[in-house]
Amino acid sequence: MSEPTLQRLSDEVCATAQLQPEAMAWAAAQGFRSVINNRPDFEHGPDQPTSAAMEAAARDAGLAYVHLPVAGGYQSPEEIARFGELLDSLPKPILAFCRSGARVGKLFQAASASRP
């Protein structure tokens, strides 16, 4: 497994591109305590790991895991609010991923802008 490239969004949140199940043990070894998957299952075909496979690997690695699938081109106010709730409630630090990491960055910026 090649090491994922991380984009630091804050002291407690990083974004990255699509992960594979084996990356969950790596994430735990790096000190992450939670993972958010923002990618819908099979977004770009059957070779993409399912959320169920990612969740099983995350739990095996001792990580909290949440699947919040959102479209790449549009994040609804409800999805943004839910992402913000996850940022507030999940154990930190948090690693969030999507296809490229850009969607996570957009969600993070939008959720951060709507917080007091």
PDB file of N, CA and C in Angstrom:
ATOM      1  N   MET A   1       0.848  -1.184   0.000  1.00  0.00           N
ATOM      2  CA  MET A   1       0.000   0.000   0.000  1.00  0.00           C
ATOM      3  C   MET A   1       0.887   1.238   0.000  1.00  0.00           C
ATOM      4  N   SER A   2       0.593   2.165  -0.908  1.00  0.00           N
ATOM      5  CA  SER A   2       1.318   3.429  -0.886  1.00  0.00           C
ATOM      6  C   SER A   2       0.648   4.350   0.133  1.00  0.00           C
ATOM      7  N   GLU A   3       1.450   5.152   0.786  1.00  0.00           N
ATOM      8  CA  GLU A   3       0.942   6.028   1.832  1.00  0.00           C
ATOM      9  C   GLU A   3       0.068   7.119   1.226  1.00  0.00           C
ATOM     10  N   PRO A   4      -1.141   7.314   1.763  1.00  0.00           N
ATOM     11  CA  PRO A   4      -2.026   8.362   1.242  1.00  0.00           C
ATOM     12  C   PRO A   4      -1.427   9.758   1.424  1.00  0.00           C
ATOM     13  N   THR A   5      -1.759  10.649   0.511  1.00  0.00           N
ATOM     14  CA  THR A   5      -1.377  12.052   0.628  1.00  0.00           C
ATOM     15  C   THR A   5      -2.461  12.758   1.422  1.00  0.00           C
ATOM     16  N   LEU A   6      -2.075  13.406   2.496  1.00  0.00           N
ATOM     17  CA  LEU A   6      -3.034  14.076   3.360  1.00  0.00           C
ATOM     18  C   LEU A   6      -3.029  15.578   3.135  1.00  0.00           C
ATOM     19  N   GLN A   7      -4.216  16.153   3.191  1.00  0.00           N
ATOM     20  CA  GLN A   7      -4.374  17.607   3.163  1.00  0.00           C
ATOM     21  C   GLN A   7      -4.894  18.001   4.542  1.00  0.00           C
ATOM     22  N   ARG A   8      -4.110  18.772   5.278  1.00  0.00           N
ATOM     23  CA  ARG A   8      -4.524  19.207   6.614  1.00  0.00           C
ATOM     24  C   ARG A   8      -5.530  20.345   6.479  1.00  0.00           C
ATOM     25  N   LEU A   9      -6.747  20.130   6.996  1.00  0.00           N
ATOM     26  CA  LEU A   9      -7.793  21.147   6.954  1.00  0.00           C
ATOM     27  C   LEU A   9      -7.844  21.947   8.250  1.00  0.00           C
ATOM     28  N   SER A  10      -7.422  21.314   9.338  1.00  0.00           N
ATOM     29  CA  SER A  10      -7.333  21.963  10.642  1.00  0.00           C
ATOM     30  C   SER A  10      -6.400  21.107  11.494  1.00  0.00           C
ATOM     31  N   ASP A  11      -6.246  21.489  12.747  1.00  0.00           N
ATOM     32  CA  ASP A  11      -5.412  20.689  13.648  1.00  0.00           C
ATOM     33  C   ASP A  11      -6.017  19.311  13.905  1.00  0.00           C
ATOM     34  N   GLU A  12      -7.322  19.179  13.655  1.00  0.00           N
ATOM     35  CA  GLU A  12      -8.014  17.933  13.996  1.00  0.00           C
ATOM     36  C   GLU A  12      -8.627  17.204  12.814  1.00  0.00           C
ATOM     37  N   VAL A  13      -8.509  17.753  11.606  1.00  0.00           N
ATOM     38  CA  VAL A  13      -9.162  17.150  10.441  1.00  0.00           C
ATOM     39  C   VAL A  13      -8.215  17.160   9.246  1.00  0.00           C
ATOM     40  N   CYS A  14      -8.115  15.997   8.587  1.00  0.00           N
ATOM     41  CA  CYS A  14      -7.362  15.872   7.336  1.00  0.00           C
ATOM     42  C   CYS A  14      -8.265  15.275   6.269  1.00  0.00           C
ATOM     43  N   ALA A  15      -7.977  15.614   5.028  1.00  0.00           N
ATOM     44  CA  ALA A  15      -8.688  15.067   3.876  1.00  0.00           C
ATOM     45  C   ALA A  15      -7.713  14.264   3.034  1.00  0.00           C
ATOM     46  N   THR A  16      -8.247  13.280   2.333  1.00  0.00           N
ATOM     47  CA  THR A  16      -7.446  12.501   1.402  1.00  0.00           C
ATOM     48  C   THR A  16      -8.341  11.933   0.316  1.00  0.00           C
ATOM     49  N   ALA A  17      -7.696  11.359  -0.694  1.00  0.00           N
ATOM     50  CA  ALA A  17      -8.410  10.727  -1.796  1.00  0.00           C
ATOM     51  C   ALA A  17      -8.878   9.333  -1.376  1.00  0.00           C
ATOM     52  N   GLN A  18      -9.568   8.666  -2.289  1.00  0.00           N
ATOM     53  CA  GLN A  18     -10.109   7.327  -2.042  1.00  0.00           C
ATOM     54  C   GLN A  18      -9.105   6.433  -1.337  1.00  0.00           C
ATOM     55  N   LEU A  19      -9.551   5.816  -0.272  1.00  0.00           N
ATOM     56  CA  LEU A  19      -8.734   4.868   0.474  1.00  0.00           C
ATOM     57  C   LEU A  19      -9.195   3.452   0.176  1.00  0.00           C
ATOM     58  N   GLN A  20      -8.333   2.509   0.453  1.00  0.00           N
ATOM     59  CA  GLN A  20      -8.665   1.093   0.372  1.00  0.00           C
ATOM     60  C   GLN A  20      -8.822   0.575   1.802  1.00  0.00           C
ATOM     61  N   PRO A  21      -9.494  -0.541   1.980  1.00  0.00           N
ATOM     62  CA  PRO A  21      -9.691  -1.054   3.338  1.00  0.00           C
ATOM     63  C   PRO A  21      -8.400  -1.211   4.136  1.00  0.00           C
ATOM     64  N   GLU A  22      -7.314  -1.638   3.486  1.00  0.00           N
ATOM     65  CA  GLU A  22      -6.061  -1.828   4.217  1.00  0.00           C
ATOM     66  C   GLU A  22      -5.485  -0.517   4.752  1.00  0.00           C
ATOM     67  N   ALA A  23      -5.941   0.608   4.253  1.00  0.00           N
ATOM     68  CA  ALA A  23      -5.465   1.903   4.736  1.00  0.00           C
ATOM     69  C   ALA A  23      -6.028   2.248   6.116  1.00  0.00           C
ATOM     70  N   MET A  24      -7.032   1.525   6.574  1.00  0.00           N
ATOM     71  CA  MET A  24      -7.601   1.822   7.889  1.00  0.00           C
ATOM     72  C   MET A  24      -6.590   1.525   9.004  1.00  0.00           C
ATOM     73  N   ALA A  25      -5.837   0.446   8.878  1.00  0.00           N
ATOM     74  CA  ALA A  25      -4.799   0.147   9.877  1.00  0.00           C
ATOM     75  C   ALA A  25      -3.722   1.227   9.850  1.00  0.00           C
ATOM     76  N   TRP A  26      -3.368   1.700   8.654  1.00  0.00           N
ATOM     77  CA  TRP A  26      -2.398   2.792   8.528  1.00  0.00           C
ATOM     78  C   TRP A  26      -2.931   4.047   9.219  1.00  0.00           C
ATOM     79  N   ALA A  27      -4.213   4.386   8.983  1.00  0.00           N
ATOM     80  CA  ALA A  27      -4.801   5.586   9.585  1.00  0.00           C
ATOM     81  C   ALA A  27      -4.751   5.503  11.110  1.00  0.00           C
ATOM     82  N   ALA A  28      -5.082   4.342  11.656  1.00  0.00           N
ATOM     83  CA  ALA A  28      -5.034   4.174  13.104  1.00  0.00           C
ATOM     84  C   ALA A  28      -3.597   4.328  13.610  1.00  0.00           C
ATOM     85  N   ALA A  29      -2.643   3.776  12.870  1.00  0.00           N
ATOM     86  CA  ALA A  29      -1.234   3.883  13.271  1.00  0.00           C
ATOM     87  C   ALA A  29      -0.741   5.326  13.226  1.00  0.00           C
ATOM     88  N   GLN A  30      -1.354   6.163  12.387  1.00  0.00           N
ATOM     89  CA  GLN A  30      -0.991   7.571  12.300  1.00  0.00           C
ATOM     90  C   GLN A  30      -1.644   8.399  13.397  1.00  0.00           C
ATOM     91  N   GLY A  31      -2.515   7.787  14.185  1.00  0.00           N
ATOM     92  CA  GLY A  31      -3.152   8.485  15.289  1.00  0.00           C
ATOM     93  C   GLY A  31      -4.565   8.946  15.035  1.00  0.00           C
ATOM     94  N   PHE A  32      -5.097   8.695  13.840  1.00  0.00           N
ATOM     95  CA  PHE A  32      -6.493   9.073  13.585  1.00  0.00           C
ATOM     96  C   PHE A  32      -7.397   8.207  14.451  1.00  0.00           C
ATOM     97  N   ARG A  33      -8.515   8.795  14.861  1.00  0.00           N
ATOM     98  CA  ARG A  33      -9.468   8.071  15.699  1.00  0.00           C
ATOM     99  C   ARG A  33     -10.793   7.858  14.993  1.00  0.00           C
ATOM    100  N   SER A  34     -11.041   8.622  13.907  1.00  0.00           N
ATOM    101  CA  SER A  34     -12.301   8.511  13.173  1.00  0.00           C
ATOM    102  C   SER A  34     -12.054   8.676  11.682  1.00  0.00           C
ATOM    103  N   VAL A  35     -12.951   8.065  10.895  1.00  0.00           N
ATOM    104  CA  VAL A  35     -12.910   8.183   9.439  1.00  0.00           C
ATOM    105  C   VAL A  35     -14.308   8.533   8.948  1.00  0.00           C
ATOM    106  N   ILE A  36     -14.370   9.520   8.044  1.00  0.00           N
ATOM    107  CA  ILE A  36     -15.620   9.874   7.366  1.00  0.00           C
ATOM    108  C   ILE A  36     -15.434   9.558   5.889  1.00  0.00           C
ATOM    109  N   ASN A  37     -16.336   8.765   5.339  1.00  0.00           N
ATOM    110  CA  ASN A  37     -16.337   8.434   3.911  1.00  0.00           C
ATOM    111  C   ASN A  37     -17.418   9.275   3.237  1.00  0.00           C
ATOM    112  N   ASN A  38     -17.014  10.207   2.390  1.00  0.00           N
ATOM    113  CA  ASN A  38     -17.965  11.075   1.691  1.00  0.00           C
ATOM    114  C   ASN A  38     -18.257  10.614   0.273  1.00  0.00           C
ATOM    115  N   ARG A  39     -17.868   9.410  -0.053  1.00  0.00           N
ATOM    116  CA  ARG A  39     -18.032   8.920  -1.420  1.00  0.00           C
ATOM    117  C   ARG A  39     -19.190   7.931  -1.513  1.00  0.00           C
ATOM    118  N   PRO A  40     -20.143   8.177  -2.419  1.00  0.00           N
ATOM    119  CA  PRO A  40     -21.211   7.194  -2.619  1.00  0.00           C
ATOM    120  C   PRO A  40     -20.638   5.872  -3.143  1.00  0.00           C
ATOM    121  N   ASP A  41     -21.210   4.761  -2.694  1.00  0.00           N
ATOM    122  CA  ASP A  41     -20.788   3.460  -3.201  1.00  0.00           C
ATOM    123  C   ASP A  41     -20.922   3.411  -4.721  1.00  0.00           C
ATOM    124  N   PHE A  42     -19.928   2.829  -5.358  1.00  0.00           N
ATOM    125  CA  PHE A  42     -19.900   2.598  -6.809  1.00  0.00           C
ATOM    126  C   PHE A  42     -20.005   3.876  -7.634  1.00  0.00           C
ATOM    127  N   GLU A  43     -19.545   4.981  -7.075  1.00  0.00           N
ATOM    128  CA  GLU A  43     -19.590   6.267  -7.766  1.00  0.00           C
ATOM    129  C   GLU A  43     -18.898   6.192  -9.131  1.00  0.00           C
ATOM    130  N   HIS A  44     -17.802   5.480  -9.187  1.00  0.00           N
ATOM    131  CA  HIS A  44     -17.093   5.339 -10.459  1.00  0.00           C
ATOM    132  C   HIS A  44     -16.828   3.889 -10.799  1.00  0.00           C
ATOM    133  N   GLY A  45     -17.774   3.018 -10.480  1.00  0.00           N
ATOM    134  CA  GLY A  45     -17.676   1.642 -10.913  1.00  0.00           C
ATOM    135  C   GLY A  45     -17.476   0.632  -9.803  1.00  0.00           C
ATOM    136  N   PRO A  46     -17.484  -0.636 -10.195  1.00  0.00           N
ATOM    137  CA  PRO A  46     -17.468  -1.734  -9.228  1.00  0.00           C
ATOM    138  C   PRO A  46     -16.108  -1.967  -8.559  1.00  0.00           C
ATOM    139  N   ASP A  47     -15.036  -1.348  -9.029  1.00  0.00           N
ATOM    140  CA  ASP A  47     -13.724  -1.548  -8.417  1.00  0.00           C
ATOM    141  C   ASP A  47     -13.531  -0.737  -7.143  1.00  0.00           C
ATOM    142  N   GLN A  48     -14.396   0.225  -6.908  1.00  0.00           N
ATOM    143  CA  GLN A  48     -14.316   1.059  -5.712  1.00  0.00           C
ATOM    144  C   GLN A  48     -14.775   0.238  -4.509  1.00  0.00           C
ATOM    145  N   PRO A  49     -14.031   0.257  -3.402  1.00  0.00           N
ATOM    146  CA  PRO A  49     -14.474  -0.491  -2.222  1.00  0.00           C
ATOM    147  C   PRO A  49     -15.790   0.073  -1.686  1.00  0.00           C
ATOM    148  N   THR A  50     -16.639  -0.810  -1.189  1.00  0.00           N
ATOM    149  CA  THR A  50     -17.924  -0.366  -0.648  1.00  0.00           C
ATOM    150  C   THR A  50     -17.737   0.230   0.742  1.00  0.00           C
ATOM    151  N   SER A  51     -18.727   0.981   1.151  1.00  0.00           N
ATOM    152  CA  SER A  51     -18.703   1.534   2.499  1.00  0.00           C
ATOM    153  C   SER A  51     -18.678   0.415   3.528  1.00  0.00           C
ATOM    154  N   ALA A  52     -19.389  -0.664   3.278  1.00  0.00           N
ATOM    155  CA  ALA A  52     -19.406  -1.782   4.227  1.00  0.00           C
ATOM    156  C   ALA A  52     -18.004  -2.362   4.416  1.00  0.00           C
ATOM    157  N   ALA A  53     -17.251  -2.507   3.330  1.00  0.00           N
ATOM    158  CA  ALA A  53     -15.880  -3.021   3.426  1.00  0.00           C
ATOM    159  C   ALA A  53     -14.990  -2.034   4.175  1.00  0.00           C
ATOM    160  N   MET A  54     -15.169  -0.757   3.906  1.00  0.00           N
ATOM    161  CA  MET A  54     -14.378   0.265   4.587  1.00  0.00           C
ATOM    162  C   MET A  54     -14.722   0.310   6.080  1.00  0.00           C
ATOM    163  N   GLU A  55     -16.007   0.205   6.388  1.00  0.00           N
ATOM    164  CA  GLU A  55     -16.428   0.242   7.791  1.00  0.00           C
ATOM    165  C   GLU A  55     -15.861  -0.953   8.563  1.00  0.00           C
ATOM    166  N   ALA A  56     -15.927  -2.146   7.986  1.00  0.00           N
ATOM    167  CA  ALA A  56     -15.407  -3.332   8.659  1.00  0.00           C
ATOM    168  C   ALA A  56     -13.915  -3.173   8.944  1.00  0.00           C
ATOM    169  N   ALA A  57     -13.162  -2.671   7.974  1.00  0.00           N
ATOM    170  CA  ALA A  57     -11.721  -2.471   8.161  1.00  0.00           C
ATOM    171  C   ALA A  57     -11.452  -1.394   9.203  1.00  0.00           C
ATOM    172  N   ALA A  58     -12.247  -0.322   9.179  1.00  0.00           N
ATOM    173  CA  ALA A  58     -12.074   0.751  10.163  1.00  0.00           C
ATOM    174  C   ALA A  58     -12.345   0.239  11.569  1.00  0.00           C
ATOM    175  N   ARG A  59     -13.414  -0.483  11.737  1.00  0.00           N
ATOM    176  CA  ARG A  59     -13.759  -1.020  13.067  1.00  0.00           C
ATOM    177  C   ARG A  59     -12.690  -2.005  13.547  1.00  0.00           C
ATOM    178  N   ASP A  60     -12.181  -2.838  12.628  1.00  0.00           N
ATOM    179  CA  ASP A  60     -11.105  -3.773  12.983  1.00  0.00           C
ATOM    180  C   ASP A  60      -9.856  -3.026  13.451  1.00  0.00           C
ATOM    181  N   ALA A  61      -9.646  -1.826  12.903  1.00  0.00           N
ATOM    182  CA  ALA A  61      -8.480  -1.013  13.276  1.00  0.00           C
ATOM    183  C   ALA A  61      -8.747  -0.150  14.509  1.00  0.00           C
ATOM    184  N   GLY A  62      -9.974  -0.250  15.054  1.00  0.00           N
ATOM    185  CA  GLY A  62     -10.303   0.523  16.256  1.00  0.00           C
ATOM    186  C   GLY A  62     -10.746   1.940  15.978  1.00  0.00           C
ATOM    187  N   LEU A  63     -11.164   2.217  14.746  1.00  0.00           N
ATOM    188  CA  LEU A  63     -11.577   3.567  14.353  1.00  0.00           C
ATOM    189  C   LEU A  63     -13.097   3.701  14.349  1.00  0.00           C
ATOM    190  N   ALA A  64     -13.583   4.888  14.717  1.00  0.00           N
ATOM    191  CA  ALA A  64     -14.984   5.226  14.480  1.00  0.00           C
ATOM    192  C   ALA A  64     -15.127   5.477  12.982  1.00  0.00           C
ATOM    193  N   TYR A  65     -16.278   5.129  12.408  1.00  0.00           N
ATOM    194  CA  TYR A  65     -16.470   5.251  10.962  1.00  0.00           C
ATOM    195  C   TYR A  65     -17.884   5.732  10.691  1.00  0.00           C
ATOM    196  N   VAL A  66     -17.994   6.708   9.759  1.00  0.00           N
ATOM    197  CA  VAL A  66     -19.298   7.195   9.324  1.00  0.00           C
ATOM    198  C   VAL A  66     -19.281   7.336   7.810  1.00  0.00           C
ATOM    199  N   HIS A  67     -20.346   6.875   7.171  1.00  0.00           N
ATOM    200  CA  HIS A  67     -20.516   7.042   5.728  1.00  0.00           C
ATOM    201  C   HIS A  67     -21.524   8.161   5.515  1.00  0.00           C
ATOM    202  N   LEU A  68     -21.054   9.267   4.952  1.00  0.00           N
ATOM    203  CA  LEU A  68     -21.906  10.401   4.598  1.00  0.00           C
ATOM    204  C   LEU A  68     -21.701  10.652   3.109  1.00  0.00           C
ATOM    205  N   PRO A  69     -22.385   9.878   2.253  1.00  0.00           N
ATOM    206  CA  PRO A  69     -22.170  10.017   0.813  1.00  0.00           C
ATOM    207  C   PRO A  69     -22.775  11.315   0.282  1.00  0.00           C
ATOM    208  N   VAL A  70     -21.969  12.069  -0.450  1.00  0.00           N
ATOM    209  CA  VAL A  70     -22.443  13.308  -1.075  1.00  0.00           C
ATOM    210  C   VAL A  70     -21.929  13.364  -2.511  1.00  0.00           C
ATOM    211  N   ALA A  71     -22.664  14.030  -3.361  1.00  0.00           N
ATOM    212  CA  ALA A  71     -22.268  14.183  -4.763  1.00  0.00           C
ATOM    213  C   ALA A  71     -21.059  15.105  -4.870  1.00  0.00           C
ATOM    214  N   GLY A  72     -20.268  14.889  -5.894  1.00  0.00           N
ATOM    215  CA  GLY A  72     -19.078  15.700  -6.086  1.00  0.00           C
ATOM    216  C   GLY A  72     -19.373  17.139  -6.431  1.00  0.00           C
ATOM    217  N   GLY A  73     -20.421  17.392  -7.189  1.00  0.00           N
ATOM    218  CA  GLY A  73     -20.683  18.732  -7.675  1.00  0.00           C
ATOM    219  C   GLY A  73     -21.597  19.575  -6.808  1.00  0.00           C
ATOM    220  N   TYR A  74     -22.283  18.952  -5.853  1.00  0.00           N
ATOM    221  CA  TYR A  74     -23.236  19.711  -5.046  1.00  0.00           C
ATOM    222  C   TYR A  74     -23.351  19.070  -3.670  1.00  0.00           C
ATOM    223  N   GLN A  75     -23.213  19.892  -2.648  1.00  0.00           N
ATOM    224  CA  GLN A  75     -23.431  19.448  -1.286  1.00  0.00           C
ATOM    225  C   GLN A  75     -24.604  20.251  -0.727  1.00  0.00           C
ATOM    226  N   SER A  76     -25.653  19.549  -0.309  1.00  0.00           N
ATOM    227  CA  SER A  76     -26.857  20.226   0.176  1.00  0.00           C
ATOM    228  C   SER A  76     -26.612  20.848   1.545  1.00  0.00           C
ATOM    229  N   PRO A  77     -27.452  21.812   1.930  1.00  0.00           N
ATOM    230  CA  PRO A  77     -27.334  22.385   3.273  1.00  0.00           C
ATOM    231  C   PRO A  77     -27.437  21.308   4.366  1.00  0.00           C
ATOM    232  N   GLU A  78     -28.262  20.291   4.135  1.00  0.00           N
ATOM    233  CA  GLU A  78     -28.414  19.214   5.111  1.00  0.00           C
ATOM    234  C   GLU A  78     -27.132  18.382   5.225  1.00  0.00           C
ATOM    235  N   GLU A  79     -26.500  18.111   4.093  1.00  0.00           N
ATOM    236  CA  GLU A  79     -25.242  17.356   4.099  1.00  0.00           C
ATOM    237  C   GLU A  79     -24.129  18.152   4.780  1.00  0.00           C
ATOM    238  N   ILE A  80     -24.091  19.441   4.498  1.00  0.00           N
ATOM    239  CA  ILE A  80     -23.091  20.309   5.129  1.00  0.00           C
ATOM    240  C   ILE A  80     -23.308  20.339   6.644  1.00  0.00           C
ATOM    241  N   ALA A  81     -24.571  20.483   7.063  1.00  0.00           N
ATOM    242  CA  ALA A  81     -24.877  20.504   8.493  1.00  0.00           C
ATOM    243  C   ALA A  81     -24.494  19.181   9.148  1.00  0.00           C
ATOM    244  N   ARG A  82     -24.775  18.065   8.488  1.00  0.00           N
ATOM    245  CA  ARG A  82     -24.433  16.753   9.041  1.00  0.00           C
ATOM    246  C   ARG A  82     -22.914  16.593   9.156  1.00  0.00           C
ATOM    247  N   PHE A  83     -22.178  17.074   8.155  1.00  0.00           N
ATOM    248  CA  PHE A  83     -20.722  17.014   8.217  1.00  0.00           C
ATOM    249  C   PHE A  83     -20.219  17.809   9.428  1.00  0.00           C
ATOM    250  N   GLY A  84     -20.786  18.982   9.643  1.00  0.00           N
ATOM    251  CA  GLY A  84     -20.425  19.792  10.802  1.00  0.00           C
ATOM    252  C   GLY A  84     -20.724  19.077  12.109  1.00  0.00           C
ATOM    253  N   GLU A  85     -21.862  18.388  12.170  1.00  0.00           N
ATOM    254  CA  GLU A  85     -22.202  17.611  13.370  1.00  0.00           C
ATOM    255  C   GLU A  85     -21.171  16.509  13.611  1.00  0.00           C
ATOM    256  N   LEU A  86     -20.742  15.853  12.531  1.00  0.00           N
ATOM    257  CA  LEU A  86     -19.734  14.804  12.661  1.00  0.00           C
ATOM    258  C   LEU A  86     -18.409  15.376  13.148  1.00  0.00           C
ATOM    259  N   LEU A  87     -18.043  16.544  12.642  1.00  0.00           N
ATOM    260  CA  LEU A  87     -16.807  17.191  13.099  1.00  0.00           C
ATOM    261  C   LEU A  87     -16.865  17.478  14.591  1.00  0.00           C
ATOM    262  N   ASP A  88     -18.044  17.828  15.075  1.00  0.00           N
ATOM    263  CA  ASP A  88     -18.209  18.139  16.496  1.00  0.00           C
ATOM    264  C   ASP A  88     -18.264  16.894  17.376  1.00  0.00           C
ATOM    265  N   SER A  89     -18.788  15.786  16.850  1.00  0.00           N
ATOM    266  CA  SER A  89     -19.094  14.639  17.707  1.00  0.00           C
ATOM    267  C   SER A  89     -18.127  13.469  17.619  1.00  0.00           C
ATOM    268  N   LEU A  90     -17.439  13.301  16.501  1.00  0.00           N
ATOM    269  CA  LEU A  90     -16.553  12.142  16.358  1.00  0.00           C
ATOM    270  C   LEU A  90     -15.253  12.329  17.137  1.00  0.00           C
ATOM    271  N   PRO A  91     -14.663  11.216  17.589  1.00  0.00           N
ATOM    272  CA  PRO A  91     -13.342  11.318  18.223  1.00  0.00           C
ATOM    273  C   PRO A  91     -12.318  11.889  17.237  1.00  0.00           C
ATOM    274  N   LYS A  92     -11.449  12.715  17.739  1.00  0.00           N
ATOM    275  CA  LYS A  92     -10.466  13.385  16.891  1.00  0.00           C
ATOM    276  C   LYS A  92      -9.072  12.853  17.169  1.00  0.00           C
ATOM    277  N   PRO A  93      -8.205  12.938  16.196  1.00  0.00           N
ATOM    278  CA  PRO A  93      -8.334  13.546  14.874  1.00  0.00           C
ATOM    279  C   PRO A  93      -9.148  12.682  13.909  1.00  0.00           C
ATOM    280  N   ILE A  94      -9.675  13.377  12.886  1.00  0.00           N
ATOM    281  CA  ILE A  94     -10.567  12.774  11.895  1.00  0.00           C
ATOM    282  C   ILE A  94      -9.881  12.767  10.541  1.00  0.00           C
ATOM    283  N   LEU A  95     -10.005  11.655   9.826  1.00  0.00           N
ATOM    284  CA  LEU A  95      -9.564  11.538   8.444  1.00  0.00           C
ATOM    285  C   LEU A  95     -10.805  11.357   7.586  1.00  0.00           C
ATOM    286  N   ALA A  96     -11.026  12.267   6.651  1.00  0.00           N
ATOM    287  CA  ALA A  96     -12.184  12.180   5.763  1.00  0.00           C
ATOM    288  C   ALA A  96     -11.693  11.992   4.333  1.00  0.00           C
ATOM    289  N   PHE A  97     -12.441  11.186   3.553  1.00  0.00           N
ATOM    290  CA  PHE A  97     -12.012  10.948   2.182  1.00  0.00           C
ATOM    291  C   PHE A  97     -13.175  10.945   1.209  1.00  0.00           C
ATOM    292  N   CYS A  98     -12.822  11.192  -0.052  1.00  0.00           N
ATOM    293  CA  CYS A  98     -13.734  11.109  -1.191  1.00  0.00           C
ATOM    294  C   CYS A  98     -12.879  10.676  -2.384  1.00  0.00           C
ATOM    295  N   ARG A  99     -13.299  10.959  -3.592  1.00  0.00           N
ATOM    296  CA  ARG A  99     -12.520  10.518  -4.753  1.00  0.00           C
ATOM    297  C   ARG A  99     -11.139  11.156  -4.771  1.00  0.00           C
ATOM    298  N   SER A 100     -11.086  12.494  -4.627  1.00  0.00           N
ATOM    299  CA  SER A 100      -9.803  13.203  -4.716  1.00  0.00           C
ATOM    300  C   SER A 100      -9.418  13.954  -3.438  1.00  0.00           C
ATOM    301  N   GLY A 101     -10.367  14.137  -2.548  1.00  0.00           N
ATOM    302  CA  GLY A 101     -10.160  14.955  -1.349  1.00  0.00           C
ATOM    303  C   GLY A 101     -10.798  16.330  -1.469  1.00  0.00           C
ATOM    304  N   ALA A 102     -11.107  16.757  -2.691  1.00  0.00           N
ATOM    305  CA  ALA A 102     -11.673  18.095  -2.908  1.00  0.00           C
ATOM    306  C   ALA A 102     -13.069  18.245  -2.304  1.00  0.00           C
ATOM    307  N   ARG A 103     -13.890  17.245  -2.428  1.00  0.00           N
ATOM    308  CA  ARG A 103     -15.254  17.283  -1.892  1.00  0.00           C
ATOM    309  C   ARG A 103     -15.209  17.451  -0.370  1.00  0.00           C
ATOM    310  N   VAL A 104     -14.294  16.739   0.274  1.00  0.00           N
ATOM    311  CA  VAL A 104     -14.127  16.875   1.725  1.00  0.00           C
ATOM    312  C   VAL A 104     -13.752  18.317   2.067  1.00  0.00           C
ATOM    313  N   GLY A 105     -12.834  18.894   1.290  1.00  0.00           N
ATOM    314  CA  GLY A 105     -12.432  20.280   1.528  1.00  0.00           C
ATOM    315  C   GLY A 105     -13.592  21.241   1.412  1.00  0.00           C
ATOM    316  N   LYS A 106     -14.444  21.037   0.422  1.00  0.00           N
ATOM    317  CA  LYS A 106     -15.622  21.897   0.245  1.00  0.00           C
ATOM    318  C   LYS A 106     -16.583  21.746   1.418  1.00  0.00           C
ATOM    319  N   LEU A 107     -16.817  20.502   1.819  1.00  0.00           N
ATOM    320  CA  LEU A 107     -17.707  20.265   2.962  1.00  0.00           C
ATOM    321  C   LEU A 107     -17.149  20.922   4.226  1.00  0.00           C
ATOM    322  N   PHE A 108     -15.856  20.772   4.436  1.00  0.00           N
ATOM    323  CA  PHE A 108     -15.227  21.340   5.625  1.00  0.00           C
ATOM    324  C   PHE A 108     -15.356  22.868   5.623  1.00  0.00           C
ATOM    325  N   GLN A 109     -15.055  23.496   4.501  1.00  0.00           N
ATOM    326  CA  GLN A 109     -15.155  24.960   4.420  1.00  0.00           C
ATOM    327  C   GLN A 109     -16.583  25.428   4.666  1.00  0.00           C
ATOM    328  N   ALA A 110     -17.548  24.763   4.032  1.00  0.00           N
ATOM    329  CA  ALA A 110     -18.949  25.161   4.173  1.00  0.00           C
ATOM    330  C   ALA A 110     -19.425  24.938   5.609  1.00  0.00           C
ATOM    331  N   ALA A 111     -19.067  23.801   6.196  1.00  0.00           N
ATOM    332  CA  ALA A 111     -19.480  23.522   7.573  1.00  0.00           C
ATOM    333  C   ALA A 111     -18.817  24.498   8.541  1.00  0.00           C
ATOM    334  N   SER A 112     -17.570  24.814   8.314  1.00  0.00           N
ATOM    335  CA  SER A 112     -16.857  25.763   9.176  1.00  0.00           C
ATOM    336  C   SER A 112     -17.439  27.165   9.080  1.00  0.00           C
ATOM    337  N   ALA A 113     -17.854  27.568   7.881  1.00  0.00           N
ATOM    338  CA  ALA A 113     -18.421  28.903   7.685  1.00  0.00           C
ATOM    339  C   ALA A 113     -19.776  29.055   8.371  1.00  0.00           C
ATOM    340  N   SER A 114     -20.487  27.949   8.558  1.00  0.00           N
ATOM    341  CA  SER A 114     -21.811  28.037   9.142  1.00  0.00           C
ATOM    342  C   SER A 114     -21.808  27.844  10.655  1.00  0.00           C
ATOM    343  N   ARG A 115     -20.620  27.676  11.241  1.00  0.00           N
ATOM    344  CA  ARG A 115     -20.516  27.488  12.688  1.00  0.00           C
ATOM    345  C   ARG A 115     -20.301  28.832  13.382  1.00  0.00           C
ATOM    346  N   PRO A 116     -20.780  28.930  14.637  1.00  0.00           N
ATOM    347  CA  PRO A 116     -20.582  30.193  15.365  1.00  0.00           C
ATOM    348  C   PRO A 116     -19.129  30.448  15.701  1.00  0.00           C
TER     349      PRO A 116
END
